[in-house]
């Protein structure tokens, strides 16, 4: 069927001679589930199911707590609380089961299985269940470290873990599992596990390092058992997070999901988050070292207080960044460029902040030289930020390398430049207004010249930094525009959305399209499935799909698959 012969109602538009009467082809009846009425029905059903499952889980967990807490009377805590739990469990539970059974029976229909509401429901419920179960289990482990028993946390963790397992079974069901947004809860779970695991590791290692540093300085450690318990509690959180991350990242294969959402999570959580922790830890450790060398105004024990956490953050952040940066480098070209740009932006923010702090400290020294100790600490902090952020920005941006026309025309680079100099210009204008306000305030009530400098030093330092950043990136953007105009290079228009028209199981085809383009895929099903044996079981290879999409530069494209191994890509107009 040609692309221009497709009709929304499922029939074919048959053309004839100009004088002939148009042939009439009766439209194929559409499925009721594909109408607006069906979409609204599914949305209401799944929202109601989400609420009922949540209410039931709350009620069952409360009742389970009363059962496993042997030291508490069954009706302890008041009859109102028990009545609420019974109502949630005994009324909400059957209603949830009835609604689920009715919905589950319809999910064998393609329209029901392909609905966005079904995928959103599973993504939302899996995320809520995962967060509730892991936080409750980790909290129970921390109370065990303290020598206490937390039946409430154990009950909540068990119930929500069962809810998570139930919905994971539905997510992976071969016949009724969702065909859209299938990877969203997996990506969210991997990102959540990474954040919890890395945060717990930083806290645990930081506690141990702080105790070791205090011991090396012969500083009395208050409560020797307290730091060990704090480290073990943080370790429990880290173990839970690592298990969750491993399950989604390795077992479920999130690292191989080629969707745009997975790429964004990889860059934002893995590269940007890990890089921020690494650079923040290195900068703090450098600041502590500079203060020990050049600003001994405080006891060493006070200066090195943040050193343990800084070293832990630098180590854990470096590990997270290194792993995800390598994975991003092996992904698509857009993901690789995005990973480099976010690290460039991170280093730029650190260096610009350092410049502003240095200007602030120098002006503070002019305004109040008596308070040189505090000004010196401020100056050293700015120097540390410049030393850490400057090389990071230089290594990723490489300002001395003149980009070739293709790099200059890259959409990601152009967006990055516009965002940086635009945001910097906005901040510069705001700080200029603040400086003007401070100057006029001083003119109307002039206490002293030093007071004027002290009032404007912080916004003036920020103005200097943002003005430099905005001017440089605006100049680079103008240079790239001139280069593009002179060379005639047209920016490559990446495919953002692919509409796939195919029958049967399209998961392999969707993966092939996502791997070839990085675009999101929307699946449209024909009103009548092809007859088995007529080429319906033939699935085009990934090479065939990639070859069909090669050369397509539109933001949206239509991909027709079948019958047999036929693949046709049609660029769509804006």
Protein backbone atom coordinates (compact mmCIF):
# COMPACT_ATOMS: atom_id res chain seq x y z
CA UNK A 1 0.00 0.00 0.00
CA UNK A 2 1.57 3.32 -0.97
CA UNK A 3 2.00 6.06 1.56
CA UNK A 4 -0.36 8.47 -0.20
CA UNK A 5 -3.10 5.82 -0.35
CA UNK A 6 -3.38 5.47 3.41
CA UNK A 7 -6.63 6.69 4.93
CA UNK A 8 -7.21 7.33 8.62
CA UNK A 9 -10.31 5.14 8.58
CA UNK A 10 -8.35 2.12 7.36
CA UNK A 11 -9.70 2.08 3.78
CA UNK A 12 -7.92 2.87 0.54
CA UNK A 13 -8.33 5.91 -1.66
CA UNK A 14 -8.66 4.46 -5.17
CA UNK A 15 -7.96 6.83 -8.03
CA UNK A 16 -9.45 6.50 -11.51
CA UNK A 17 -9.71 8.41 -14.75
CA UNK A 18 -10.86 12.05 -14.52
CA UNK A 19 -14.26 11.29 -15.96
CA UNK A 20 -14.88 8.05 -14.22
CA UNK A 21 -16.81 7.72 -11.04
CA UNK A 22 -14.57 7.04 -8.10
CA UNK A 23 -14.43 3.45 -7.06
CA UNK A 24 -15.91 2.83 -3.68
CA UNK A 25 -13.97 0.77 -1.21
CA UNK A 26 -15.80 0.30 2.07
CA UNK A 27 -13.67 1.44 4.97
CA UNK A 28 -12.45 -1.16 7.37
CA UNK A 29 -14.21 -0.76 10.72
CA UNK A 30 -11.90 0.80 13.24
CA UNK A 31 -11.40 -0.64 16.68
CA UNK A 32 -13.41 1.05 19.39
CA UNK A 33 -10.27 1.26 21.52
CA UNK A 34 -8.62 3.59 19.02
CA UNK A 35 -11.22 6.35 19.43
CA UNK A 36 -11.06 9.34 21.72
CA UNK A 37 -13.68 7.67 23.89
CA UNK A 38 -11.40 4.66 24.34
CA UNK A 39 -8.43 6.88 25.21
CA UNK A 40 -10.41 8.71 27.90
CA UNK A 41 -11.73 5.41 29.25
CA UNK A 42 -8.24 3.95 29.53
CA UNK A 43 -6.92 7.07 31.23
CA UNK A 44 -9.68 7.00 33.87
CA UNK A 45 -9.35 3.26 34.42
CA UNK A 46 -5.60 3.31 34.94
CA UNK A 47 -5.66 6.40 37.16
CA UNK A 48 -8.31 4.72 39.30
CA UNK A 49 -6.34 1.48 39.33
CA UNK A 50 -3.21 3.36 40.44
CA UNK A 51 -5.11 4.95 43.33
CA UNK A 52 -6.73 1.67 44.40
CA UNK A 53 -3.46 -0.30 44.30
CA UNK A 54 -1.74 2.40 46.36
CA UNK A 55 -4.54 2.47 48.92
CA UNK A 56 -4.54 -1.32 49.16
CA UNK A 57 -0.77 -1.44 49.64
CA UNK A 58 -1.00 1.10 52.45
CA UNK A 59 -3.73 -0.85 54.20
CA UNK A 60 -2.08 -4.25 53.83
CA UNK A 61 1.29 -2.95 55.01
CA UNK A 62 -0.35 -1.49 58.12
CA UNK A 63 -2.08 -4.78 58.92
CA UNK A 64 1.12 -6.75 58.26
CA UNK A 65 2.97 -4.50 60.68
CA UNK A 66 0.49 -5.41 63.42
CA UNK A 67 1.01 -9.10 62.71
CA UNK A 68 4.81 -9.13 62.78
CA UNK A 69 5.15 -6.68 65.68
CA UNK A 70 4.77 -9.24 68.47
CA UNK A 71 5.27 -6.67 71.18
CA UNK A 72 2.30 -4.60 70.13
CA UNK A 73 -1.39 -5.40 70.75
CA UNK A 74 -3.34 -6.12 67.59
CA UNK A 75 -5.52 -3.06 68.10
CA UNK A 76 -2.66 -0.95 69.44
CA UNK A 77 -2.49 2.63 68.24
CA UNK A 78 -6.23 3.19 68.44
CA UNK A 79 -9.27 1.77 66.72
CA UNK A 80 -9.38 4.62 64.20
CA UNK A 81 -6.05 3.62 62.68
CA UNK A 82 -7.02 -0.06 62.58
CA UNK A 83 -10.40 0.75 61.02
CA UNK A 84 -8.70 2.80 58.31
CA UNK A 85 -6.26 0.01 57.52
CA UNK A 86 -9.07 -2.55 57.37
CA UNK A 87 -11.08 -0.32 55.05
CA UNK A 88 -8.10 0.22 52.77
CA UNK A 89 -7.26 -3.48 52.62
CA UNK A 90 -10.70 -5.13 52.61
CA UNK A 91 -12.54 -2.61 50.45
CA UNK A 92 -9.79 -1.14 48.31
CA UNK A 93 -8.21 -4.56 47.69
CA UNK A 94 -11.25 -6.26 46.09
CA UNK A 95 -12.03 -3.16 44.06
CA UNK A 96 -8.46 -3.03 42.78
CA UNK A 97 -8.53 -6.75 41.94
CA UNK A 98 -11.86 -6.42 40.12
CA UNK A 99 -10.72 -3.42 38.10
CA UNK A 100 -7.39 -5.05 37.28
CA UNK A 101 -9.09 -8.26 36.14
CA UNK A 102 -11.41 -6.35 33.82
CA UNK A 103 -8.54 -4.30 32.40
CA UNK A 104 -6.20 -7.27 32.07
CA UNK A 105 -8.71 -9.18 29.97
CA UNK A 106 -8.84 -6.38 27.40
CA UNK A 107 -5.08 -5.97 27.09
CA UNK A 108 -4.85 -8.74 24.50
CA UNK A 109 -6.38 -6.27 22.04
CA UNK A 110 -3.72 -4.33 20.10
CA UNK A 111 -5.34 -0.94 20.78
CA UNK A 112 -5.33 -1.56 24.55
CA UNK A 113 -1.77 -2.85 24.59
CA UNK A 114 -0.51 0.01 22.42
CA UNK A 115 -2.11 2.73 24.55
CA UNK A 116 0.05 5.32 26.24
CA UNK A 117 -2.06 5.09 29.39
CA UNK A 118 -1.04 1.46 29.92
CA UNK A 119 2.64 2.26 29.61
CA UNK A 120 2.34 5.33 31.84
CA UNK A 121 0.51 3.37 34.50
CA UNK A 122 3.20 0.71 34.68
CA UNK A 123 5.98 3.31 34.66
CA UNK A 124 4.37 5.30 37.48
CA UNK A 125 3.46 2.29 39.62
CA UNK A 126 6.82 0.58 39.16
CA UNK A 127 8.62 3.78 40.16
CA UNK A 128 6.45 4.37 43.23
CA UNK A 129 6.71 0.74 44.30
CA UNK A 130 10.49 0.67 43.80
CA UNK A 131 11.10 3.86 45.75
CA UNK A 132 8.72 2.86 48.57
CA UNK A 133 10.15 -0.65 48.88
CA UNK A 134 13.81 0.33 48.80
CA UNK A 135 13.49 3.27 51.19
CA UNK A 136 11.57 1.13 53.67
CA UNK A 137 14.02 -1.79 53.43
CA UNK A 138 17.06 0.48 53.70
CA UNK A 139 15.49 2.26 56.67
CA UNK A 140 14.88 -1.10 58.37
CA UNK A 141 18.52 -2.06 57.83
CA UNK A 142 19.73 1.19 59.37
CA UNK A 143 17.58 0.62 62.45
CA UNK A 144 19.04 -2.89 62.75
CA UNK A 145 22.50 -1.33 62.72
CA UNK A 146 21.42 0.81 65.66
CA UNK A 147 20.20 -2.32 67.45
CA UNK A 148 16.50 -1.59 67.04
CA UNK A 149 13.61 -3.40 65.35
CA UNK A 150 11.42 -1.61 62.81
CA UNK A 151 8.42 -3.77 61.91
CA UNK A 152 6.70 -0.89 60.12
CA UNK A 153 9.57 -0.46 57.67
CA UNK A 154 9.79 -4.21 57.05
CA UNK A 155 6.06 -4.48 56.39
CA UNK A 156 6.04 -1.54 54.01
CA UNK A 157 9.10 -2.88 52.19
CA UNK A 158 7.63 -6.38 51.76
CA UNK A 159 4.25 -5.19 50.51
CA UNK A 160 5.65 -2.71 48.01
CA UNK A 161 8.24 -5.26 46.87
CA UNK A 162 5.38 -7.62 46.02
CA UNK A 163 3.60 -4.80 44.17
CA UNK A 164 6.80 -4.15 42.21
CA UNK A 165 7.23 -7.82 41.32
CA UNK A 166 3.61 -8.03 40.18
CA UNK A 167 3.96 -5.06 37.88
CA UNK A 168 7.32 -6.23 36.58
CA UNK A 169 5.59 -9.45 35.53
CA UNK A 170 2.98 -7.43 33.65
CA UNK A 171 5.66 -5.26 32.04
CA UNK A 172 7.42 -8.30 30.59
CA UNK A 173 4.30 -10.23 29.59
CA UNK A 174 4.78 -11.43 26.00
CA UNK A 175 1.15 -10.90 24.96
CA UNK A 176 -0.22 -8.13 27.19
CA UNK A 177 2.86 -6.13 28.09
CA UNK A 178 2.95 -2.53 26.82
CA UNK A 179 4.43 -1.78 23.43
CA UNK A 180 4.99 1.91 24.27
CA UNK A 181 7.08 3.37 27.10
CA UNK A 182 8.29 -0.12 27.95
CA UNK A 183 11.81 1.07 28.76
CA UNK A 184 10.82 4.14 30.81
CA UNK A 185 10.47 2.40 34.22
CA UNK A 186 13.68 0.47 33.60
CA UNK A 187 15.65 3.64 32.88
CA UNK A 188 14.13 5.41 35.89
CA UNK A 189 14.98 2.43 38.10
CA UNK A 190 18.59 2.39 36.92
CA UNK A 191 18.97 6.13 37.49
CA UNK A 192 17.36 5.90 40.93
CA UNK A 193 19.58 3.01 41.96
CA UNK A 194 22.68 4.85 40.78
CA UNK A 195 21.81 7.97 42.75
CA UNK A 196 21.03 6.05 45.94
CA UNK A 197 24.04 3.77 45.62
CA UNK A 198 26.50 6.56 44.86
CA UNK A 199 25.07 8.81 47.58
CA UNK A 200 25.29 6.05 50.18
CA UNK A 201 28.84 5.21 49.12
CA UNK A 202 29.92 8.85 49.43
CA UNK A 203 28.39 9.11 52.90
CA UNK A 204 29.89 5.82 54.10
CA UNK A 205 33.38 6.51 52.76
CA UNK A 206 33.24 10.11 53.91
CA UNK A 207 32.43 9.02 57.45
CA UNK A 208 35.33 6.56 57.48
CA UNK A 209 37.75 9.09 55.97
CA UNK A 210 36.69 11.77 58.47
CA UNK A 211 37.36 9.40 61.36
CA UNK A 212 40.75 8.48 59.89
CA UNK A 213 41.70 12.14 59.40
CA UNK A 214 40.69 13.04 62.93
CA UNK A 215 42.70 10.12 64.22
CA UNK A 216 45.76 11.20 62.21
CA UNK A 217 45.49 14.70 63.67
CA UNK A 218 45.14 13.16 67.13
CA UNK A 219 41.79 14.85 67.53
CA UNK A 220 39.53 13.22 70.11
CA UNK A 221 36.74 11.30 68.36
CA UNK A 222 33.47 11.81 70.17
CA UNK A 223 31.58 8.53 70.36
CA UNK A 224 33.79 5.99 68.61
CA UNK A 225 30.80 3.75 67.93
CA UNK A 226 28.76 6.57 66.41
CA UNK A 227 30.87 7.00 63.28
CA UNK A 228 30.97 3.24 62.73
CA UNK A 229 27.17 3.02 62.97
CA UNK A 230 26.79 6.00 60.67
CA UNK A 231 29.11 4.37 58.13
CA UNK A 232 27.25 1.05 58.29
CA UNK A 233 23.90 2.79 57.92
CA UNK A 234 25.12 4.64 54.83
CA UNK A 235 26.61 1.39 53.53
CA UNK A 236 23.19 -0.25 53.80
CA UNK A 237 21.71 2.47 51.60
CA UNK A 238 24.59 2.06 49.16
CA UNK A 239 24.13 -1.71 48.93
CA UNK A 240 20.39 -1.33 48.27
CA UNK A 241 21.06 1.27 45.59
CA UNK A 242 23.78 -0.78 43.90
CA UNK A 243 21.52 -3.85 43.81
CA UNK A 244 18.71 -1.81 42.24
CA UNK A 245 21.12 -0.26 39.72
CA UNK A 246 22.67 -3.62 38.80
CA UNK A 247 19.29 -5.24 38.33
CA UNK A 248 18.12 -2.59 35.88
CA UNK A 249 21.42 -1.71 34.25
CA UNK A 250 22.83 -5.23 33.74
CA UNK A 251 19.99 -7.69 34.17
CA UNK A 252 17.34 -5.68 32.33
CA UNK A 253 19.85 -4.34 29.79
CA UNK A 254 19.20 -0.62 30.27
CA UNK A 255 22.72 0.07 28.99
CA UNK A 256 21.62 -1.30 25.62
CA UNK A 257 18.32 0.61 25.33
CA UNK A 258 18.77 3.00 22.37
CA UNK A 259 15.90 5.41 23.10
CA UNK A 260 16.32 9.15 23.50
CA UNK A 261 15.06 8.98 27.09
CA UNK A 262 17.75 6.46 27.99
CA UNK A 263 20.40 8.65 26.36
CA UNK A 264 19.23 11.70 28.32
CA UNK A 265 19.34 9.73 31.60
CA UNK A 266 22.81 8.45 30.72
CA UNK A 267 24.16 11.94 30.09
CA UNK A 268 22.36 13.78 32.89
CA UNK A 269 22.63 11.26 35.73
CA UNK A 270 25.78 9.36 34.80
CA UNK A 271 28.00 11.91 33.05
CA UNK A 272 26.78 15.21 34.49
CA UNK A 273 25.97 13.89 37.98
CA UNK A 274 29.17 11.90 38.29
CA UNK A 275 31.23 14.76 36.87
CA UNK A 276 29.67 17.27 39.28
CA UNK A 277 30.46 15.04 42.27
CA UNK A 278 34.00 14.47 41.03
CA UNK A 279 34.80 18.13 40.35
CA UNK A 280 33.10 19.27 43.55
CA UNK A 281 35.11 16.82 45.62
CA UNK A 282 38.40 17.70 43.93
CA UNK A 283 37.73 21.42 44.31
CA UNK A 284 36.87 21.08 48.00
CA UNK A 285 39.95 18.97 48.67
CA UNK A 286 42.13 21.53 46.86
CA UNK A 287 40.53 24.33 48.85
CA UNK A 288 41.32 22.53 52.10
CA UNK A 289 44.92 22.03 50.99
CA UNK A 290 45.30 25.71 50.07
CA UNK A 291 43.91 26.80 53.41
CA UNK A 292 46.28 24.54 55.29
CA UNK A 293 49.19 26.02 53.35
CA UNK A 294 48.27 29.71 53.16
CA UNK A 295 45.50 30.43 55.66
CA UNK A 296 46.27 28.90 59.08
CA UNK A 297 43.76 31.19 60.77
CA UNK A 298 41.80 28.23 62.17
CA UNK A 299 42.86 24.97 63.81
CA UNK A 300 43.72 22.23 61.31
CA UNK A 301 40.89 20.08 62.67
CA UNK A 302 38.38 22.77 61.65
CA UNK A 303 39.93 23.30 58.23
CA UNK A 304 39.97 19.60 57.29
CA UNK A 305 36.37 19.00 58.41
CA UNK A 306 35.00 18.65 54.85
CA UNK A 307 38.03 16.76 53.52
CA UNK A 308 36.76 13.22 54.13
CA UNK A 309 33.47 13.77 52.31
CA UNK A 310 35.27 15.63 49.52
CA UNK A 311 37.69 12.76 48.91
CA UNK A 312 34.83 10.26 48.93
CA UNK A 313 32.77 12.37 46.51
CA UNK A 314 35.75 12.76 44.19
CA UNK A 315 36.45 9.02 44.14
CA UNK A 316 32.86 7.83 43.72
CA UNK A 317 32.04 10.60 41.27
CA UNK A 318 35.10 9.80 39.17
CA UNK A 319 34.08 6.14 39.00
CA UNK A 320 30.51 6.98 37.98
CA UNK A 321 31.67 9.54 35.43
CA UNK A 322 34.31 7.28 33.91
CA UNK A 323 31.91 4.37 33.40
CA UNK A 324 29.11 6.43 31.88
CA UNK A 325 31.41 8.63 29.79
CA UNK A 326 32.81 5.53 28.11
CA UNK A 327 29.32 4.21 27.47
CA UNK A 328 28.23 7.59 26.05
CA UNK A 329 31.29 7.61 23.76
CA UNK A 330 30.17 4.25 22.32
CA UNK A 331 26.60 5.46 21.76
CA UNK A 332 25.33 7.57 18.91
CA UNK A 333 27.17 10.68 17.76
CA UNK A 334 24.57 12.91 19.39
CA UNK A 335 24.97 11.23 22.77
CA UNK A 336 28.74 11.49 22.55
CA UNK A 337 28.59 15.19 21.74
CA UNK A 338 26.09 15.81 24.54
CA UNK A 339 28.38 14.12 27.08
CA UNK A 340 31.28 16.34 26.03
CA UNK A 341 29.17 19.49 26.08
CA UNK A 342 27.76 18.90 29.57
CA UNK A 343 31.28 18.42 30.95
CA UNK A 344 32.37 21.57 29.15
CA UNK A 345 29.45 23.45 30.68
CA UNK A 346 30.23 22.03 34.12
CA UNK A 347 33.83 23.18 33.92
CA UNK A 348 32.71 26.56 32.60
CA UNK A 349 30.35 27.10 35.53
CA UNK A 350 33.11 26.22 38.01
CA UNK A 351 35.70 28.46 36.34
CA UNK A 352 33.31 31.38 35.97
CA UNK A 353 32.23 31.04 39.59
CA UNK A 354 35.89 31.05 40.61
CA UNK A 355 36.55 34.24 38.65
CA UNK A 356 33.62 35.94 40.31
CA UNK A 357 34.75 34.82 43.76
CA UNK A 358 38.32 36.03 43.11
CA UNK A 359 37.06 39.48 42.07
CA UNK A 360 34.83 39.51 45.12
CA UNK A 361 37.74 38.62 47.42
CA UNK A 362 40.06 41.25 45.92
CA UNK A 363 37.43 43.96 46.33
CA UNK A 364 36.77 42.77 49.87
CA UNK A 365 40.48 43.17 50.61
CA UNK A 366 40.32 46.77 49.39
CA UNK A 367 37.16 47.49 51.35
CA UNK A 368 38.15 45.85 54.67
CA UNK A 369 41.84 44.94 54.82
CA UNK A 370 41.56 44.28 58.54
CA UNK A 371 39.43 41.21 57.90
CA UNK A 372 42.13 39.71 55.68
CA UNK A 373 41.72 36.19 57.06
CA UNK A 374 38.18 35.78 55.80
CA UNK A 375 39.09 37.46 52.53
CA UNK A 376 42.02 35.10 52.05
CA UNK A 377 39.76 32.07 52.52
CA UNK A 378 37.37 33.51 49.93
CA UNK A 379 40.24 34.10 47.52
CA UNK A 380 41.56 30.58 47.96
CA UNK A 381 38.10 29.17 47.29
CA UNK A 382 37.91 31.08 44.02
CA UNK A 383 41.37 29.91 43.00
CA UNK A 384 40.42 26.29 43.72
CA UNK A 385 37.31 26.63 41.55
CA UNK A 386 39.34 28.10 38.67
CA UNK A 387 42.03 25.42 38.94
CA UNK A 388 39.43 22.65 38.79
CA UNK A 389 36.95 24.15 36.34
CA UNK A 390 39.38 25.76 33.91
CA UNK A 391 41.21 22.59 32.78
CA UNK A 392 37.92 20.69 32.60
CA UNK A 393 36.42 23.30 30.28
CA UNK A 394 39.62 23.51 28.23
CA UNK A 395 39.94 19.75 27.77
CA UNK A 396 36.32 19.34 26.63
CA UNK A 397 35.76 22.54 24.67
CA UNK A 398 39.30 22.83 23.19
CA UNK A 399 39.12 26.55 22.38
CA UNK A 400 42.35 26.61 20.34
CA UNK A 401 41.03 24.02 17.89
CA UNK A 402 39.13 25.61 15.06
CA UNK A 403 36.05 23.46 14.36
CA UNK A 404 35.41 22.20 10.88
CA UNK A 405 32.21 23.34 9.13
CA UNK A 406 30.37 20.13 10.01
CA UNK A 407 31.13 20.57 13.73
CA UNK A 408 30.21 24.26 13.57
CA UNK A 409 26.86 23.36 12.01
CA UNK A 410 26.08 20.74 14.64
CA UNK A 411 22.74 21.49 16.28
CA UNK A 412 23.93 20.52 19.76
CA UNK A 413 26.91 22.88 19.58
CA UNK A 414 24.76 25.76 18.36
CA UNK A 415 22.17 25.21 21.07
CA UNK A 416 24.93 25.02 23.70
CA UNK A 417 26.45 28.33 22.56
CA UNK A 418 23.11 30.12 22.46
CA UNK A 419 22.10 28.76 25.87
CA UNK A 420 25.41 29.74 27.49
CA UNK A 421 25.71 33.28 26.20
CA UNK A 422 21.97 33.86 26.58
CA UNK A 423 21.84 32.72 30.20
CA UNK A 424 25.06 34.62 30.98
CA UNK A 425 23.64 37.78 29.44
CA UNK A 426 20.48 37.49 31.53
CA UNK A 427 22.50 37.04 34.73
CA UNK A 428 24.76 39.96 33.75
CA UNK A 429 21.77 42.25 33.25
CA UNK A 430 20.30 41.25 36.63
CA UNK A 431 23.61 41.82 38.45
CA UNK A 432 23.99 45.18 36.69
CA UNK A 433 20.61 46.20 38.03
CA UNK A 434 21.68 45.10 41.51
CA UNK A 435 24.87 47.15 41.23
CA UNK A 436 22.89 50.17 40.11
CA UNK A 437 20.56 49.76 43.06
CA UNK A 438 23.51 49.57 45.46
CA UNK A 439 25.16 52.65 43.94
CA UNK A 440 22.00 54.75 44.12
CA UNK A 441 21.42 53.52 47.65
CA UNK A 442 24.91 54.70 48.58
CA UNK A 443 24.46 58.08 46.87
CA UNK A 444 21.26 58.74 48.77
CA UNK A 445 22.85 57.68 52.09
CA UNK A 446 26.70 57.62 51.83
CA UNK A 447 28.25 56.18 55.01
CA UNK A 448 31.76 55.62 53.56
CA UNK A 449 33.63 54.70 50.40
CA UNK A 450 34.53 51.30 51.84
CA UNK A 451 30.88 50.54 52.39
CA UNK A 452 30.13 51.20 48.70
CA UNK A 453 32.82 48.76 47.59
CA UNK A 454 31.63 46.21 50.11
CA UNK A 455 28.08 46.53 48.82
CA UNK A 456 28.87 46.05 45.15
CA UNK A 457 31.76 43.55 45.33
CA UNK A 458 29.65 40.36 45.17
CA UNK A 459 27.42 41.41 42.22
CA UNK A 460 30.41 43.05 40.51
CA UNK A 461 32.37 39.81 40.64
CA UNK A 462 29.41 37.95 39.18
CA UNK A 463 29.02 40.62 36.49
CA UNK A 464 32.66 40.30 35.42
CA UNK A 465 32.43 36.51 35.17
CA UNK A 466 29.12 36.41 33.28
CA UNK A 467 30.16 39.21 30.93
CA UNK A 468 33.34 37.34 29.98
CA UNK A 469 31.42 34.09 29.44
CA UNK A 470 28.68 35.75 27.40
CA UNK A 471 31.07 37.75 25.23
CA UNK A 472 33.29 34.76 24.43
CA UNK A 473 30.48 32.38 23.52
CA UNK A 474 28.68 35.04 21.50
CA UNK A 475 31.88 35.61 19.51
CA UNK A 476 32.25 31.87 18.90
CA UNK A 477 28.64 31.63 17.79
CA UNK A 478 29.12 34.51 15.33
CA UNK A 479 32.30 32.91 13.99
CA UNK A 480 30.51 29.61 13.45
CA UNK A 481 27.71 31.37 11.59
CA UNK A 482 30.17 33.06 9.28
CA UNK A 483 31.92 29.75 8.65
CA UNK A 484 28.64 28.02 7.84
CA UNK A 485 27.64 30.82 5.46
CA UNK A 486 31.01 30.81 3.68
CA UNK A 487 31.23 27.03 3.26
CA UNK A 488 27.55 26.50 2.50
CA UNK A 489 27.25 23.66 4.99
CA UNK A 490 23.64 22.92 5.84
CA UNK A 491 23.06 21.78 9.44
CA UNK A 492 22.03 18.17 9.51
CA UNK A 493 18.40 17.80 10.53
CA UNK A 494 18.15 14.89 12.87
CA UNK A 495 15.06 12.69 12.83
CA UNK A 496 13.16 13.35 16.05
CA UNK A 497 10.09 11.17 15.53
CA UNK A 498 9.40 8.10 13.42
CA UNK A 499 5.88 6.84 12.74
CA UNK A 500 6.09 3.11 12.14
CA UNK A 501 3.23 1.43 10.28
CA UNK A 502 3.58 -2.30 10.82
CA UNK A 503 1.74 -5.37 12.04
CA UNK A 504 2.72 -8.05 14.51
CA UNK A 505 5.54 -7.84 17.01
CA UNK A 506 7.45 -4.67 16.13
CA UNK A 507 9.91 -4.57 19.04
CA UNK A 508 12.88 -5.64 16.88
CA UNK A 509 12.01 -3.07 14.24
CA UNK A 510 11.61 -0.33 16.86
CA UNK A 511 15.05 -1.13 18.26
CA UNK A 512 16.55 -1.03 14.76
CA UNK A 513 15.01 2.38 14.07
CA UNK A 514 16.12 3.76 17.45
CA UNK A 515 19.66 2.48 16.95
CA UNK A 516 19.87 3.97 13.47
CA UNK A 517 18.39 7.39 14.26
CA UNK A 518 18.04 7.83 18.03
CA UNK A 519 14.48 9.03 17.38
CA UNK A 520 11.33 8.19 19.26
CA UNK A 521 9.09 5.65 17.57
CA UNK A 522 5.29 5.72 17.39
CA UNK A 523 3.66 2.50 16.17
CA UNK A 524 0.50 2.55 14.05
CA UNK A 525 -1.24 -0.75 13.50
CA UNK A 526 -3.25 -1.61 10.39
CA UNK A 527 -6.94 -2.10 11.02
CA UNK A 528 -6.72 -5.64 9.62
CA UNK A 529 -3.72 -7.80 10.48
CA UNK A 530 -2.14 -9.58 7.49
CA UNK A 531 -3.01 -13.24 7.01
CA UNK A 532 -0.42 -15.65 8.37
CA UNK A 533 1.66 -17.21 5.64
CA UNK A 534 1.39 -14.17 3.35
CA UNK A 535 4.67 -12.66 4.45
CA UNK A 536 3.34 -11.57 7.83
CA UNK A 537 6.00 -13.41 9.77
CA UNK A 538 8.92 -11.96 7.80
CA UNK A 539 10.71 -9.27 9.81
CA UNK A 540 13.02 -6.84 8.00
CA UNK A 541 16.59 -6.84 9.15
CA UNK A 542 18.15 -3.94 11.03
CA UNK A 543 20.34 -3.27 7.99
CA UNK A 544 17.28 -2.91 5.77
CA UNK A 545 15.65 -0.44 8.15
CA UNK A 546 18.85 1.58 8.52
CA UNK A 547 19.33 1.63 4.74
CA UNK A 548 15.78 2.91 4.25
CA UNK A 549 16.33 5.74 6.75
CA UNK A 550 19.73 6.67 5.37
CA UNK A 551 19.56 10.13 3.83
CA UNK A 552 16.26 11.12 5.48
CA UNK A 553 16.80 14.61 6.94
CA UNK A 554 13.27 15.53 8.01
CA UNK A 555 12.37 15.88 11.67
CA UNK A 556 9.57 13.36 11.23
CA UNK A 557 9.50 10.30 9.03
CA UNK A 558 6.99 7.60 8.14
CA UNK A 559 8.30 4.05 7.91
CA UNK A 560 6.13 1.45 6.17
CA UNK A 561 7.03 -2.17 6.93
CA UNK A 562 5.56 -5.06 4.98
CA UNK A 563 4.29 -7.01 3.36
CA UNK A 564 7.24 -9.34 3.61
CA UNK A 565 10.62 -7.69 4.01
CA UNK A 566 9.58 -4.42 2.34
CA UNK A 567 10.67 -1.24 4.12
CA UNK A 568 9.92 2.26 2.86
CA UNK A 569 10.84 5.52 4.59
CA UNK A 570 8.93 8.69 3.72
CA UNK A 571 10.09 12.09 5.08
CA UNK A 572 7.17 14.17 6.38
CA UNK A 573 6.71 17.91 6.00
CA UNK A 574 6.72 20.21 9.01
